[in-house]
Amino acid sequence: MGARVLERFPAGAPRGSWPAEEYAARCRAEGERATVVMDLGSDAFLVVVPGSDDDRPPSAAGASAGK
């Protein structure tokens, strides 16, 4: 089983700020099974859903949170 990355957030957010968790909550509100994981290699939080990158719809390929 793989995971599809929806968005990446740097780990250096200001204290009390949880942008990855907030984005995941919005995704869950829209019906996605989003969770947040830490990628230690890149020092970033990833919002992921079950599946693979091949499952990502073409319209979402260029989408990004906060842009």
N, C-alpha and C. Protein backbone atom coordinates (compact mmCIF):
# COMPACT_ATOMS: atom_id res chain seq x y z
N MET A 1 0.84 -1.18 0.00
CA MET A 1 0.00 0.00 0.00
C MET A 1 0.88 1.25 0.00
N GLY A 2 0.55 2.21 -0.82
CA GLY A 2 1.30 3.45 -0.88
C GLY A 2 0.47 4.60 -0.36
N ALA A 3 1.05 5.77 -0.45
CA ALA A 3 0.36 6.98 -0.04
C ALA A 3 0.62 8.06 -1.07
N ARG A 4 -0.37 8.86 -1.30
CA ARG A 4 -0.29 9.97 -2.25
C ARG A 4 -0.10 11.25 -1.45
N VAL A 5 0.91 12.03 -1.77
CA VAL A 5 1.19 13.28 -1.07
C VAL A 5 0.33 14.38 -1.69
N LEU A 6 -0.50 15.01 -0.85
CA LEU A 6 -1.31 16.12 -1.32
C LEU A 6 -0.57 17.45 -1.21
N GLU A 7 0.20 17.60 -0.12
CA GLU A 7 0.89 18.87 0.11
C GLU A 7 2.03 18.66 1.08
N ARG A 8 3.05 19.53 0.99
CA ARG A 8 4.20 19.52 1.89
C ARG A 8 4.26 20.85 2.63
N PHE A 9 4.64 20.79 3.91
CA PHE A 9 4.77 21.99 4.72
C PHE A 9 6.09 21.92 5.47
N PRO A 10 6.91 22.97 5.43
CA PRO A 10 8.17 22.97 6.17
C PRO A 10 7.91 22.82 7.67
N ALA A 11 8.82 22.15 8.35
CA ALA A 11 8.64 21.90 9.78
C ALA A 11 8.86 23.16 10.62
N GLY A 12 9.38 24.20 10.06
CA GLY A 12 9.71 25.40 10.82
C GLY A 12 8.60 26.42 10.95
N ALA A 13 7.35 26.00 11.03
CA ALA A 13 6.24 26.94 11.20
C ALA A 13 6.35 27.62 12.56
N PRO A 14 5.81 28.83 12.68
CA PRO A 14 5.86 29.52 13.97
C PRO A 14 5.18 28.71 15.07
N ARG A 15 5.63 28.88 16.28
CA ARG A 15 5.07 28.16 17.43
C ARG A 15 3.55 28.39 17.50
N GLY A 16 2.81 27.31 17.68
CA GLY A 16 1.35 27.40 17.76
C GLY A 16 0.67 27.36 16.40
N SER A 17 1.43 27.33 15.33
CA SER A 17 0.89 27.26 13.97
C SER A 17 1.01 25.83 13.47
N TRP A 18 -0.07 25.28 12.96
CA TRP A 18 -0.11 23.90 12.49
C TRP A 18 -0.67 23.83 11.08
N PRO A 19 0.01 24.40 10.08
CA PRO A 19 -0.56 24.47 8.73
C PRO A 19 -0.85 23.11 8.11
N ALA A 20 -0.02 22.12 8.36
CA ALA A 20 -0.27 20.79 7.79
C ALA A 20 -1.53 20.17 8.38
N GLU A 21 -1.68 20.29 9.70
CA GLU A 21 -2.88 19.76 10.36
C GLU A 21 -4.14 20.50 9.90
N GLU A 22 -4.03 21.81 9.71
CA GLU A 22 -5.18 22.59 9.26
C GLU A 22 -5.57 22.20 7.83
N TYR A 23 -4.58 22.01 6.98
CA TYR A 23 -4.86 21.59 5.60
C TYR A 23 -5.48 20.20 5.57
N ALA A 24 -4.94 19.29 6.38
CA ALA A 24 -5.50 17.93 6.44
C ALA A 24 -6.95 17.97 6.94
N ALA A 25 -7.24 18.82 7.90
CA ALA A 25 -8.61 18.93 8.41
C ALA A 25 -9.56 19.41 7.30
N ARG A 26 -9.10 20.37 6.49
CA ARG A 26 -9.94 20.84 5.37
C ARG A 26 -10.17 19.71 4.37
N CYS A 27 -9.12 18.92 4.11
CA CYS A 27 -9.26 17.79 3.19
C CYS A 27 -10.24 16.76 3.74
N ARG A 28 -10.14 16.47 5.04
CA ARG A 28 -11.07 15.52 5.66
C ARG A 28 -12.50 16.04 5.59
N ALA A 29 -12.69 17.34 5.74
CA ALA A 29 -14.02 17.93 5.65
C ALA A 29 -14.60 17.75 4.24
N GLU A 30 -13.73 17.63 3.24
CA GLU A 30 -14.16 17.42 1.85
C GLU A 30 -14.24 15.94 1.49
N GLY A 31 -14.04 15.06 2.49
CA GLY A 31 -14.19 13.63 2.25
C GLY A 31 -12.92 12.85 1.99
N GLU A 32 -11.76 13.52 1.98
CA GLU A 32 -10.48 12.82 1.79
C GLU A 32 -10.08 12.16 3.10
N ARG A 33 -9.35 11.07 3.03
CA ARG A 33 -8.83 10.38 4.22
C ARG A 33 -7.41 10.87 4.51
N ALA A 34 -7.27 12.16 4.69
CA ALA A 34 -5.96 12.79 4.84
C ALA A 34 -5.40 12.62 6.24
N THR A 35 -4.09 12.37 6.30
CA THR A 35 -3.36 12.33 7.56
C THR A 35 -2.05 13.09 7.37
N VAL A 36 -1.42 13.44 8.48
CA VAL A 36 -0.15 14.16 8.44
C VAL A 36 0.95 13.22 8.91
N VAL A 37 2.05 13.18 8.15
CA VAL A 37 3.22 12.40 8.52
C VAL A 37 4.45 13.31 8.44
N MET A 38 5.49 12.94 9.18
CA MET A 38 6.73 13.71 9.15
C MET A 38 7.73 13.01 8.25
N ASP A 39 8.30 13.77 7.31
CA ASP A 39 9.39 13.26 6.47
C ASP A 39 10.68 13.79 7.07
N LEU A 40 11.36 12.95 7.83
CA LEU A 40 12.58 13.38 8.52
C LEU A 40 13.68 13.77 7.55
N GLY A 41 13.74 13.12 6.40
CA GLY A 41 14.78 13.42 5.42
C GLY A 41 14.71 14.84 4.88
N SER A 42 13.51 15.34 4.69
CA SER A 42 13.35 16.70 4.16
C SER A 42 12.90 17.70 5.22
N ASP A 43 12.75 17.24 6.47
CA ASP A 43 12.30 18.09 7.58
C ASP A 43 11.01 18.81 7.22
N ALA A 44 10.03 18.01 6.75
CA ALA A 44 8.76 18.57 6.34
C ALA A 44 7.61 17.67 6.78
N PHE A 45 6.46 18.29 6.98
CA PHE A 45 5.24 17.54 7.25
C PHE A 45 4.53 17.32 5.93
N LEU A 46 4.08 16.11 5.69
CA LEU A 46 3.38 15.77 4.46
C LEU A 46 1.93 15.44 4.79
N VAL A 47 1.03 15.97 3.99
CA VAL A 47 -0.38 15.58 4.09
C VAL A 47 -0.58 14.51 3.04
N VAL A 48 -0.96 13.31 3.48
CA VAL A 48 -1.06 12.16 2.58
C VAL A 48 -2.44 11.51 2.68
N VAL A 49 -2.80 10.81 1.61
CA VAL A 49 -4.00 9.98 1.57
C VAL A 49 -3.59 8.61 1.03
N PRO A 50 -4.33 7.57 1.40
CA PRO A 50 -4.01 6.24 0.87
C PRO A 50 -4.10 6.24 -0.65
N GLY A 51 -3.21 5.52 -1.30
CA GLY A 51 -3.20 5.43 -2.76
C GLY A 51 -1.81 5.71 -3.28
N SER A 52 -1.72 5.95 -4.58
CA SER A 52 -0.44 6.27 -5.20
C SER A 52 -0.56 7.55 -5.99
N ASP A 53 0.58 8.13 -6.39
CA ASP A 53 0.57 9.36 -7.18
C ASP A 53 -0.15 9.16 -8.51
N ASP A 54 -0.19 7.92 -9.01
CA ASP A 54 -0.88 7.64 -10.27
C ASP A 54 -2.38 7.83 -10.14
N ASP A 55 -2.91 7.77 -8.89
CA ASP A 55 -4.34 7.93 -8.66
C ASP A 55 -4.78 9.39 -8.64
N ARG A 56 -3.83 10.29 -8.63
CA ARG A 56 -4.16 11.72 -8.50
C ARG A 56 -4.84 12.23 -9.77
N PRO A 57 -5.97 12.91 -9.62
CA PRO A 57 -6.64 13.45 -10.80
C PRO A 57 -5.80 14.53 -11.46
N PRO A 58 -5.84 14.63 -12.80
CA PRO A 58 -5.02 15.62 -13.51
C PRO A 58 -5.26 17.05 -13.03
N SER A 59 -6.48 17.39 -12.67
CA SER A 59 -6.78 18.76 -12.23
C SER A 59 -6.09 19.09 -10.92
N ALA A 60 -5.75 18.08 -10.11
CA ALA A 60 -5.10 18.31 -8.83
C ALA A 60 -3.57 18.33 -8.95
N ALA A 61 -3.03 17.96 -10.08
CA ALA A 61 -1.59 17.83 -10.24
C ALA A 61 -0.88 19.16 -9.99
N GLY A 62 -1.47 20.27 -10.38
CA GLY A 62 -0.82 21.56 -10.17
C GLY A 62 -1.36 22.32 -8.98
N ALA A 63 -2.34 21.77 -8.29
CA ALA A 63 -2.95 22.46 -7.15
C ALA A 63 -2.00 22.46 -5.96
N SER A 64 -2.04 23.53 -5.20
CA SER A 64 -1.20 23.63 -4.02
C SER A 64 -1.87 24.50 -2.98
N ALA A 65 -1.76 24.14 -1.74
CA ALA A 65 -2.36 24.92 -0.67
C ALA A 65 -1.62 26.25 -0.50
N GLY A 66 -2.39 27.30 -0.31
CA GLY A 66 -1.78 28.58 -0.04
C GLY A 66 -1.21 29.28 -1.25
N LYS A 67 -1.46 28.77 -2.43
CA LYS A 67 -0.92 29.42 -3.64
C LYS A 67 -2.05 29.87 -4.52
